[in-house]
N, C-alpha and C. Protein backbone atom coordinates (compact mmCIF):
# COMPACT_ATOMS: atom_id res chain seq x y z
N MET A 1 -1.88 33.71 -60.54
CA MET A 1 -2.80 33.92 -59.45
C MET A 1 -3.54 35.24 -59.69
N HIS A 2 -4.81 35.22 -59.50
CA HIS A 2 -5.66 36.39 -59.74
C HIS A 2 -5.34 37.50 -58.74
N HIS A 3 -5.40 38.75 -59.21
CA HIS A 3 -5.03 39.91 -58.38
C HIS A 3 -5.79 39.95 -57.07
N ASN A 4 -7.11 39.74 -57.10
CA ASN A 4 -7.89 39.81 -55.87
C ASN A 4 -7.53 38.70 -54.90
N PHE A 5 -7.10 37.54 -55.41
CA PHE A 5 -6.68 36.45 -54.53
C PHE A 5 -5.35 36.80 -53.86
N VAL A 6 -4.44 37.39 -54.60
CA VAL A 6 -3.17 37.84 -54.03
C VAL A 6 -3.44 38.94 -52.99
N LYS A 7 -4.31 39.87 -53.33
CA LYS A 7 -4.67 40.95 -52.40
C LYS A 7 -5.27 40.37 -51.12
N LEU A 8 -6.17 39.41 -51.27
CA LEU A 8 -6.81 38.78 -50.13
C LEU A 8 -5.78 38.12 -49.22
N LYS A 9 -4.87 37.35 -49.80
CA LYS A 9 -3.85 36.66 -49.00
C LYS A 9 -2.93 37.66 -48.29
N CYS A 10 -2.54 38.70 -48.99
CA CYS A 10 -1.66 39.71 -48.38
C CYS A 10 -2.37 40.47 -47.27
N PHE A 11 -3.62 40.84 -47.49
CA PHE A 11 -4.36 41.58 -46.48
C PHE A 11 -4.61 40.71 -45.25
N LEU A 12 -4.88 39.42 -45.45
CA LEU A 12 -5.03 38.51 -44.32
C LEU A 12 -3.74 38.44 -43.51
N ALA A 13 -2.61 38.35 -44.21
CA ALA A 13 -1.31 38.30 -43.52
C ALA A 13 -1.04 39.60 -42.76
N LEU A 14 -1.32 40.73 -43.39
CA LEU A 14 -1.11 42.02 -42.72
C LEU A 14 -2.04 42.20 -41.53
N ALA A 15 -3.27 41.70 -41.65
CA ALA A 15 -4.24 41.84 -40.56
C ALA A 15 -3.82 41.03 -39.33
N ARG A 16 -3.04 39.98 -39.54
CA ARG A 16 -2.59 39.15 -38.42
C ARG A 16 -1.43 39.76 -37.64
N LEU A 17 -0.80 40.78 -38.20
CA LEU A 17 0.30 41.43 -37.49
C LEU A 17 -0.25 42.22 -36.31
N GLU A 18 0.61 42.44 -35.33
CA GLU A 18 0.21 43.26 -34.19
C GLU A 18 -0.09 44.68 -34.66
N GLU A 19 -1.02 45.31 -33.99
CA GLU A 19 -1.37 46.69 -34.33
C GLU A 19 -0.14 47.58 -34.25
N GLY A 20 0.09 48.35 -35.29
CA GLY A 20 1.22 49.28 -35.31
C GLY A 20 2.51 48.69 -35.83
N SER A 21 2.53 47.38 -36.08
CA SER A 21 3.75 46.79 -36.63
C SER A 21 3.61 46.64 -38.14
N GLY A 22 4.72 46.52 -38.81
CA GLY A 22 4.71 46.38 -40.25
C GLY A 22 5.63 45.26 -40.69
N VAL A 23 5.65 45.01 -41.98
CA VAL A 23 6.47 43.94 -42.54
C VAL A 23 7.03 44.42 -43.88
N THR A 24 8.21 43.94 -44.21
CA THR A 24 8.81 44.29 -45.50
C THR A 24 8.08 43.55 -46.61
N ALA A 25 8.33 43.95 -47.85
CA ALA A 25 7.71 43.28 -48.99
C ALA A 25 8.11 41.81 -49.05
N SER A 26 9.37 41.53 -48.80
CA SER A 26 9.81 40.13 -48.84
C SER A 26 9.19 39.33 -47.69
N GLY A 27 9.06 39.95 -46.54
CA GLY A 27 8.39 39.29 -45.41
C GLY A 27 6.94 39.02 -45.71
N LEU A 28 6.28 39.97 -46.34
CA LEU A 28 4.87 39.80 -46.71
C LEU A 28 4.72 38.68 -47.73
N ALA A 29 5.63 38.61 -48.68
CA ALA A 29 5.57 37.54 -49.68
C ALA A 29 5.66 36.18 -49.01
N ARG A 30 6.54 36.04 -48.02
CA ARG A 30 6.65 34.76 -47.30
C ARG A 30 5.40 34.46 -46.49
N LEU A 31 4.90 35.46 -45.75
CA LEU A 31 3.72 35.26 -44.91
C LEU A 31 2.48 34.90 -45.74
N ALA A 32 2.33 35.54 -46.88
CA ALA A 32 1.14 35.35 -47.71
C ALA A 32 1.31 34.26 -48.76
N SER A 33 2.51 33.70 -48.86
CA SER A 33 2.79 32.66 -49.87
C SER A 33 2.50 33.15 -51.29
N VAL A 34 3.01 34.33 -51.59
CA VAL A 34 2.88 34.89 -52.95
C VAL A 34 4.27 35.22 -53.47
N GLU A 35 4.35 35.42 -54.77
CA GLU A 35 5.64 35.72 -55.39
C GLU A 35 6.00 37.19 -55.17
N LEU A 36 7.25 37.43 -54.82
CA LEU A 36 7.72 38.78 -54.55
C LEU A 36 7.58 39.72 -55.76
N PRO A 37 7.90 39.28 -56.99
CA PRO A 37 7.71 40.19 -58.14
C PRO A 37 6.27 40.68 -58.28
N SER A 38 5.31 39.83 -57.94
CA SER A 38 3.90 40.27 -57.99
C SER A 38 3.65 41.38 -57.00
N LEU A 39 4.24 41.25 -55.81
CA LEU A 39 4.06 42.29 -54.80
C LEU A 39 4.67 43.61 -55.22
N TYR A 40 5.82 43.54 -55.89
CA TYR A 40 6.45 44.78 -56.35
C TYR A 40 5.57 45.53 -57.34
N VAL A 41 4.71 44.82 -58.04
CA VAL A 41 3.77 45.45 -58.96
C VAL A 41 2.54 45.94 -58.21
N LEU A 42 2.03 45.12 -57.27
CA LEU A 42 0.75 45.42 -56.62
C LEU A 42 0.84 46.40 -55.45
N LEU A 43 1.93 46.37 -54.70
CA LEU A 43 2.02 47.26 -53.54
C LEU A 43 1.84 48.74 -53.89
N PRO A 44 2.45 49.24 -54.97
CA PRO A 44 2.21 50.66 -55.31
C PRO A 44 0.74 50.97 -55.59
N ARG A 45 0.02 50.03 -56.17
CA ARG A 45 -1.42 50.23 -56.41
C ARG A 45 -2.16 50.32 -55.08
N TRP A 46 -1.85 49.38 -54.18
CA TRP A 46 -2.54 49.38 -52.89
C TRP A 46 -2.20 50.62 -52.08
N LEU A 47 -1.00 51.12 -52.23
CA LEU A 47 -0.62 52.38 -51.58
C LEU A 47 -1.45 53.53 -52.15
N ARG A 48 -1.55 53.58 -53.47
CA ARG A 48 -2.29 54.64 -54.14
C ARG A 48 -3.77 54.61 -53.76
N TRP A 49 -4.30 53.40 -53.59
CA TRP A 49 -5.72 53.24 -53.24
C TRP A 49 -5.96 53.29 -51.73
N SER A 50 -4.90 53.53 -50.96
CA SER A 50 -4.96 53.68 -49.49
C SER A 50 -5.38 52.41 -48.76
N TYR A 51 -5.08 51.25 -49.32
CA TYR A 51 -5.34 49.98 -48.64
C TYR A 51 -4.19 49.65 -47.68
N VAL A 52 -2.98 50.03 -48.04
CA VAL A 52 -1.82 49.81 -47.18
C VAL A 52 -1.08 51.13 -47.03
N ARG A 53 -0.28 51.20 -45.97
CA ARG A 53 0.56 52.37 -45.73
C ARG A 53 1.99 51.88 -45.63
N ARG A 54 2.91 52.71 -46.10
CA ARG A 54 4.32 52.36 -46.08
C ARG A 54 5.07 53.29 -45.15
N PHE A 55 5.92 52.69 -44.32
CA PHE A 55 6.79 53.45 -43.44
C PHE A 55 8.22 53.17 -43.82
N THR A 56 9.07 54.17 -43.66
CA THR A 56 10.47 54.06 -44.02
C THR A 56 11.32 54.00 -42.75
N SER A 57 12.33 53.14 -42.80
CA SER A 57 13.25 53.02 -41.68
C SER A 57 14.66 52.83 -42.24
N ARG A 58 15.64 53.22 -41.45
CA ARG A 58 17.04 52.99 -41.85
C ARG A 58 17.57 51.81 -41.05
N ARG A 59 18.13 50.86 -41.78
CA ARG A 59 18.73 49.69 -41.12
C ARG A 59 20.10 49.46 -41.73
N GLY A 60 21.14 49.67 -40.94
CA GLY A 60 22.49 49.46 -41.43
C GLY A 60 22.86 50.36 -42.60
N GLY A 61 22.37 51.59 -42.60
CA GLY A 61 22.67 52.52 -43.68
C GLY A 61 21.77 52.35 -44.91
N ARG A 62 20.89 51.37 -44.88
CA ARG A 62 19.95 51.15 -46.00
C ARG A 62 18.56 51.62 -45.61
N ILE A 63 17.81 52.05 -46.60
CA ILE A 63 16.42 52.42 -46.38
C ILE A 63 15.57 51.18 -46.58
N VAL A 64 14.72 50.89 -45.59
CA VAL A 64 13.86 49.71 -45.64
C VAL A 64 12.41 50.18 -45.52
N PHE A 65 11.54 49.64 -46.37
CA PHE A 65 10.12 49.98 -46.33
C PHE A 65 9.35 48.91 -45.57
N TYR A 66 8.47 49.35 -44.69
CA TYR A 66 7.58 48.46 -43.95
C TYR A 66 6.14 48.80 -44.31
N TYR A 67 5.33 47.79 -44.47
CA TYR A 67 3.94 47.97 -44.88
C TYR A 67 3.00 47.49 -43.78
N HIS A 68 1.88 48.19 -43.65
CA HIS A 68 0.82 47.70 -42.76
C HIS A 68 -0.53 48.05 -43.38
N LEU A 69 -1.54 47.36 -42.90
CA LEU A 69 -2.89 47.49 -43.44
C LEU A 69 -3.58 48.70 -42.84
N THR A 70 -4.24 49.50 -43.66
CA THR A 70 -4.98 50.67 -43.18
C THR A 70 -6.41 50.25 -42.82
N LYS A 71 -7.14 51.20 -42.29
CA LYS A 71 -8.55 50.95 -41.95
C LYS A 71 -9.32 50.58 -43.23
N ARG A 72 -9.02 51.26 -44.31
CA ARG A 72 -9.69 50.97 -45.57
C ARG A 72 -9.38 49.53 -46.03
N GLY A 73 -8.14 49.10 -45.85
CA GLY A 73 -7.77 47.73 -46.19
C GLY A 73 -8.50 46.72 -45.32
N ARG A 74 -8.63 47.02 -44.03
CA ARG A 74 -9.36 46.13 -43.13
C ARG A 74 -10.84 46.05 -43.52
N ASN A 75 -11.42 47.16 -43.94
CA ASN A 75 -12.81 47.16 -44.38
C ASN A 75 -12.97 46.32 -45.65
N TRP A 76 -12.01 46.42 -46.58
CA TRP A 76 -12.06 45.60 -47.80
C TRP A 76 -12.04 44.13 -47.42
N LEU A 77 -11.19 43.79 -46.46
CA LEU A 77 -11.06 42.41 -46.02
C LEU A 77 -12.35 41.89 -45.39
N LYS A 78 -12.99 42.71 -44.59
CA LYS A 78 -14.27 42.32 -43.97
C LYS A 78 -15.33 42.06 -45.04
N ARG A 79 -15.39 42.95 -46.03
CA ARG A 79 -16.38 42.77 -47.10
C ARG A 79 -16.05 41.55 -47.95
N ALA A 80 -14.76 41.29 -48.17
CA ALA A 80 -14.34 40.17 -49.01
C ALA A 80 -14.77 38.83 -48.41
N GLU A 81 -14.89 38.78 -47.10
CA GLU A 81 -15.32 37.53 -46.46
C GLU A 81 -16.69 37.09 -46.96
N SER A 82 -17.54 38.04 -47.30
CA SER A 82 -18.90 37.70 -47.74
C SER A 82 -19.00 37.43 -49.24
N TRP A 83 -18.08 37.95 -50.06
CA TRP A 83 -18.24 37.78 -51.50
C TRP A 83 -17.12 37.01 -52.20
N HIS A 84 -15.94 36.93 -51.58
CA HIS A 84 -14.82 36.28 -52.28
C HIS A 84 -14.94 34.76 -52.15
N PRO A 85 -15.05 34.05 -53.29
CA PRO A 85 -15.27 32.60 -53.23
C PRO A 85 -14.10 31.81 -52.65
N GLN A 86 -12.90 32.40 -52.62
CA GLN A 86 -11.72 31.68 -52.14
C GLN A 86 -11.23 32.19 -50.78
N PHE A 87 -12.12 32.81 -50.02
CA PHE A 87 -11.72 33.40 -48.75
C PHE A 87 -11.16 32.35 -47.80
N ARG A 88 -11.85 31.23 -47.62
CA ARG A 88 -11.41 30.17 -46.71
C ARG A 88 -10.09 29.55 -47.19
N GLU A 89 -9.97 29.36 -48.50
CA GLU A 89 -8.74 28.82 -49.06
C GLU A 89 -7.56 29.74 -48.77
N ALA A 90 -7.78 31.05 -48.92
CA ALA A 90 -6.73 32.03 -48.65
C ALA A 90 -6.32 32.00 -47.19
N GLN A 91 -7.30 31.89 -46.29
CA GLN A 91 -7.00 31.83 -44.86
C GLN A 91 -6.09 30.64 -44.54
N ALA A 92 -6.36 29.53 -45.20
CA ALA A 92 -5.57 28.32 -44.95
C ALA A 92 -4.14 28.44 -45.48
N GLU A 93 -3.94 29.21 -46.55
CA GLU A 93 -2.63 29.34 -47.17
C GLU A 93 -1.73 30.36 -46.50
N VAL A 94 -2.30 31.29 -45.77
CA VAL A 94 -1.52 32.34 -45.12
C VAL A 94 -0.87 31.80 -43.86
N VAL A 95 0.42 32.06 -43.71
CA VAL A 95 1.17 31.56 -42.55
C VAL A 95 0.72 32.27 -41.30
């Protein structure tokens, strides 16, 4: 799957979350219907480029990371609607 298509599906899934809430990487993989190993590669890039933000929480003595879409990520998503040829397909695939 092409990187921008994975990004599009993940950003659509993150945009559907309630404002201020986040999701784990495995939760995002399920919501966006993408493979988890791909997310483990791509999430650090999106963090570095400020498309997503990561929050840390402790659950049962373990550290858990939650991700949510930033304003910059939302802007990318708005622009992608006009130029990405698979935008409608991605919308249909996202849970």
